[in-house]
C-alpha atoms as a PDB file:
ATOM      1  CA  ASN A   1       6.316  30.402  10.473  1.00  0.00           C
ATOM      2  CA  PHE A   2       5.847  27.152   8.549  1.00  0.00           C
ATOM      3  CA  ILE A   3       4.641  25.302  11.659  1.00  0.00           C
ATOM      4  CA  SER A   4       2.413  28.120  12.876  1.00  0.00           C
ATOM      5  CA  LYS A   5       0.770  28.379   9.423  1.00  0.00           C
ATOM      6  CA  ARG A   6       0.069  24.621   9.419  1.00  0.00           C
ATOM      7  CA  LYS A   7      -1.559  24.956  12.856  1.00  0.00           C
ATOM      8  CA  GLU A   8      -3.583  27.946  11.691  1.00  0.00           C
ATOM      9  CA  ASN A   9      -4.731  26.037   8.599  1.00  0.00           C
ATOM     10  CA  TYR A  10      -5.683  23.005  10.707  1.00  0.00           C
ATOM     11  CA  THR A  11      -7.810  25.192  12.994  1.00  0.00           C
ATOM     12  CA  TYR A  12      -9.497  26.986  10.111  1.00  0.00           C
ATOM     13  CA  LEU A  13     -10.329  23.780   8.223  1.00  0.00           C
ATOM     14  CA  PHE A  14     -11.525  22.095  11.406  1.00  0.00           C
ATOM     15  CA  GLU A  15     -13.995  24.957  11.891  1.00  0.00           C
ATOM     16  CA  GLN A  16     -15.166  24.498   8.290  1.00  0.00           C
ATOM     17  CA  LEU A  17     -15.895  20.793   8.821  1.00  0.00           C
ATOM     18  CA  LYS A  18     -16.871  20.354  12.478  1.00  0.00           C
ATOM     19  CA  HIS A  19     -20.601  20.518  11.734  1.00  0.00           C
ATOM     20  CA  LEU A  20     -20.143  17.325   9.657  1.00  0.00           C
ATOM     21  CA  GLU A  21     -19.063  15.207  12.628  1.00  0.00           C
ATOM     22  CA  LYS A  22     -22.279  13.199  12.298  1.00  0.00           C
ATOM     23  CA  HIS A  23     -20.574  11.621   9.271  1.00  0.00           C
ATOM     24  CA  LEU A  24     -16.867  12.275   9.831  1.00  0.00           C
ATOM     25  CA  ILE A  25     -14.260  11.655  12.492  1.00  0.00           C
ATOM     26  CA  LEU A  26     -12.060  14.734  12.529  1.00  0.00           C
ATOM     27  CA  PRO A  27      -8.568  14.948  13.995  1.00  0.00           C
ATOM     28  CA  TYR A  28      -8.120  16.263  17.524  1.00  0.00           C
ATOM     29  CA  PRO A  29      -4.725  16.736  19.145  1.00  0.00           C
ATOM     30  CA  ASN A  30      -4.073  14.534  22.161  1.00  0.00           C
ATOM     31  CA  ASP A  31      -3.907  16.162  25.577  1.00  0.00           C
ATOM     32  CA  ASN A  32      -0.506  17.698  26.236  1.00  0.00           C
ATOM     33  CA  SER A  33       0.437  17.565  22.555  1.00  0.00           C
ATOM     34  CA  ASP A  34       1.274  20.355  20.159  1.00  0.00           C
ATOM     35  CA  PRO A  35       1.190  18.854  16.652  1.00  0.00           C
ATOM     36  CA  SER A  36       2.684  20.423  13.588  1.00  0.00           C
ATOM     37  CA  TRP A  37      -0.040  19.135  11.271  1.00  0.00           C
ATOM     38  CA  PHE A  38       1.361  17.332   8.240  1.00  0.00           C
ATOM     39  CA  GLY A  39      -2.111  17.096   6.749  1.00  0.00           C
ATOM     40  CA  PHE A  40      -5.712  16.849   7.847  1.00  0.00           C
ATOM     41  CA  PRO A  41      -6.837  13.219   8.257  1.00  0.00           C
ATOM     42  CA  ILE A  42     -10.558  12.556   7.880  1.00  0.00           C
ATOM     43  CA  THR A  43     -12.281   9.264   8.682  1.00  0.00           C
ATOM     44  CA  ILE A  44     -15.777   8.467   7.482  1.00  0.00           C
ATOM     45  CA  LYS A  45     -17.827   7.022  10.336  1.00  0.00           C
ATOM     46  CA  PRO A  46     -18.809   3.400   9.776  1.00  0.00           C
ATOM     47  CA  ASP A  47     -22.529   4.123  10.259  1.00  0.00           C
ATOM     48  CA  SER A  48     -22.483   6.912   7.676  1.00  0.00           C
ATOM     49  CA  ASN A  49     -24.331   6.317   4.436  1.00  0.00           C
ATOM     50  CA  ILE A  50     -21.335   7.343   2.331  1.00  0.00           C
ATOM     51  CA  THR A  51     -18.157   5.651   1.193  1.00  0.00           C
ATOM     52  CA  ARG A  52     -14.657   7.038   1.185  1.00  0.00           C
ATOM     53  CA  ASN A  53     -14.365   6.356  -2.526  1.00  0.00           C
ATOM     54  CA  ASP A  54     -17.523   8.314  -3.369  1.00  0.00           C
ATOM     55  CA  LEU A  55     -16.396  11.284  -1.292  1.00  0.00           C
ATOM     56  CA  ILE A  56     -12.839  11.423  -2.629  1.00  0.00           C
ATOM     57  CA  LEU A  57     -14.096  11.095  -6.205  1.00  0.00           C
ATOM     58  CA  TYR A  58     -16.395  14.068  -5.579  1.00  0.00           C
ATOM     59  CA  LEU A  59     -13.553  16.056  -4.029  1.00  0.00           C
ATOM     60  CA  ASP A  60     -11.257  15.183  -6.927  1.00  0.00           C
ATOM     61  CA  LYS A  61     -13.924  16.204  -9.454  1.00  0.00           C
ATOM     62  CA  ASN A  62     -13.969  19.570  -7.674  1.00  0.00           C
ATOM     63  CA  LYS A  63     -10.175  19.984  -7.751  1.00  0.00           C
ATOM     64  CA  ILE A  64      -9.527  19.046  -4.094  1.00  0.00           C
ATOM     65  CA  GLY A  65      -6.613  16.655  -3.824  1.00  0.00           C
ATOM     66  CA  THR A  66      -6.646  13.804  -1.335  1.00  0.00           C
ATOM     67  CA  ARG A  67      -4.263  11.069  -0.282  1.00  0.00           C
ATOM     68  CA  LEU A  68      -5.015   7.732   1.307  1.00  0.00           C
ATOM     69  CA  LEU A  69      -3.466   6.755   4.590  1.00  0.00           C
ATOM     70  CA  PHE A  70       0.067   5.461   4.103  1.00  0.00           C
ATOM     71  CA  ALA A  71      -0.192   1.817   5.120  1.00  0.00           C
ATOM     72  CA  GLY A  72      -3.429   0.973   6.891  1.00  0.00           C
ATOM     73  CA  ASN A  73      -3.531  -2.459   8.446  1.00  0.00           C
ATOM     74  CA  LEU A  74       0.096  -3.519   8.158  1.00  0.00           C
ATOM     75  CA  ILE A  75      -0.658  -7.228   8.380  1.00  0.00           C
ATOM     76  CA  LYS A  76      -2.487  -6.929   5.065  1.00  0.00           C
ATOM     77  CA  GLN A  77       0.629  -5.625   3.338  1.00  0.00           C
ATOM     78  CA  PRO A  78       2.414  -8.133   1.041  1.00  0.00           C
ATOM     79  CA  TYR A  79       5.464  -8.142   3.291  1.00  0.00           C
ATOM     80  CA  PHE A  80       3.519  -9.947   6.010  1.00  0.00           C
ATOM     81  CA  LYS A  81       2.431 -12.826   3.750  1.00  0.00           C
ATOM     82  CA  ASN A  82       5.200 -15.115   5.006  1.00  0.00           C
ATOM     83  CA  VAL A  83       5.930 -13.510   8.381  1.00  0.00           C
ATOM     84  CA  ASP A  84       4.908 -15.019  11.705  1.00  0.00           C
ATOM     85  CA  TYR A  85       3.117 -12.500  13.887  1.00  0.00           C
ATOM     86  CA  ARG A  86       0.586 -12.418  16.674  1.00  0.00           C
ATOM     87  CA  ILE A  87      -2.562 -10.320  16.953  1.00  0.00           C
ATOM     88  CA  SER A  88      -3.734  -9.259  20.392  1.00  0.00           C
ATOM     89  CA  GLY A  89      -7.425  -8.405  20.336  1.00  0.00           C
ATOM     90  CA  LYS A  90      -9.518  -7.162  17.465  1.00  0.00           C
ATOM     91  CA  LEU A  91      -8.255  -4.758  14.835  1.00  0.00           C
ATOM     92  CA  ASP A  92     -11.551  -2.911  14.373  1.00  0.00           C
ATOM     93  CA  ASN A  93      -9.999   0.573  14.557  1.00  0.00           C
ATOM     94  CA  THR A  94      -7.173  -0.472  12.270  1.00  0.00           C
ATOM     95  CA  GLU A  95      -9.666  -1.730   9.703  1.00  0.00           C
ATOM     96  CA  LEU A  96     -11.787   1.421  10.018  1.00  0.00           C
ATOM     97  CA  THR A  97      -8.730   3.590   9.509  1.00  0.00           C
ATOM     98  CA  MET A  98      -7.532   1.535   6.543  1.00  0.00           C
ATOM     99  CA  ASP A  99     -10.923   1.529   4.819  1.00  0.00           C
ATOM    100  CA  ASN A 100     -12.341   4.944   5.718  1.00  0.00           C
ATOM    101  CA  THR A 101      -9.495   7.430   6.249  1.00  0.00           C
ATOM    102  CA  PHE A 102      -7.959   9.899   3.816  1.00  0.00           C
ATOM    103  CA  TRP A 103      -6.014  13.148   4.020  1.00  0.00           C
ATOM    104  CA  VAL A 104      -6.556  16.614   2.633  1.00  0.00           C
ATOM    105  CA  GLY A 105      -3.792  19.169   2.538  1.00  0.00           C
ATOM    106  CA  ILE A 106      -3.153  22.044   4.900  1.00  0.00           C
ATOM    107  CA  TYR A 107       0.065  23.153   3.235  1.00  0.00           C
ATOM    108  CA  PRO A 108       1.218  26.554   4.523  1.00  0.00           C
ATOM    109  CA  ALA A 109       0.822  28.225   1.102  1.00  0.00           C
ATOM    110  CA  LEU A 110      -2.937  27.575   1.224  1.00  0.00           C
ATOM    111  CA  ASP A 111      -5.044  30.420   2.545  1.00  0.00           C
ATOM    112  CA  TYR A 112      -8.561  30.929   3.928  1.00  0.00           C
ATOM    113  CA  GLU A 113      -9.995  31.225   0.434  1.00  0.00           C
ATOM    114  CA  HIS A 114      -8.800  27.677  -0.312  1.00  0.00           C
ATOM    115  CA  PHE A 115     -10.307  26.344   2.906  1.00  0.00           C
ATOM    116  CA  ASP A 116     -13.570  28.224   2.380  1.00  0.00           C
ATOM    117  CA  TYR A 117     -13.778  26.542  -1.024  1.00  0.00           C
ATOM    118  CA  MET A 118     -12.965  23.165   0.492  1.00  0.00           C
ATOM    119  CA  GLY A 119     -15.652  23.655   3.133  1.00  0.00           C
ATOM    120  CA  SER A 120     -18.212  24.611   0.492  1.00  0.00           C
ATOM    121  CA  ILE A 121     -17.438  21.487  -1.554  1.00  0.00           C
ATOM    122  CA  PHE A 122     -17.775  19.239   1.504  1.00  0.00           C
ATOM    123  CA  ASN A 123     -21.065  20.972   2.301  1.00  0.00           C
ATOM    124  CA  SER A 124     -22.416  20.501  -1.217  1.00  0.00           C
ATOM    125  CA  TYR A 125     -21.492  16.812  -1.133  1.00  0.00           C
ATOM    126  CA  PHE A 126     -23.236  16.175   2.180  1.00  0.00           C
ATOM    127  CA  LYS A 127     -26.313  18.185   1.124  1.00  0.00           C
ATOM    128  CA  SER A 128     -26.553  16.008  -1.988  1.00  0.00           C
ATOM    129  CA  ILE A 129     -26.672  12.771   0.015  1.00  0.00           C
ATOM    130  CA  VAL A 130     -29.198  13.801   2.673  1.00  0.00           C
END
């Protein structure tokens, strides 16, 4: 039940936010996968006229909790300061994820009313910047 509720919450929130894909990269499951969604990661597109910080401050002001991605670009972590490593290619997606991604919750105890509220707050934010 816990896993099925997380999946249900993912689907419901996705439907609330999909019309904002001009500004946001929303999570899609990979082909042949069946995720048990831990949370709902959202990435602000690099060509959007908003910043992650502005959006999460607005969400926080409206009582919607967020979390940043756990590590981001690992080579920028203090541990790597004195470690030899090699980079193959550019890290553009890693940088985008580190700078523009955050999570919102889809905890099983949340219901449609919570996600309707979340959708309305996202909508009000994006209406205010257009």
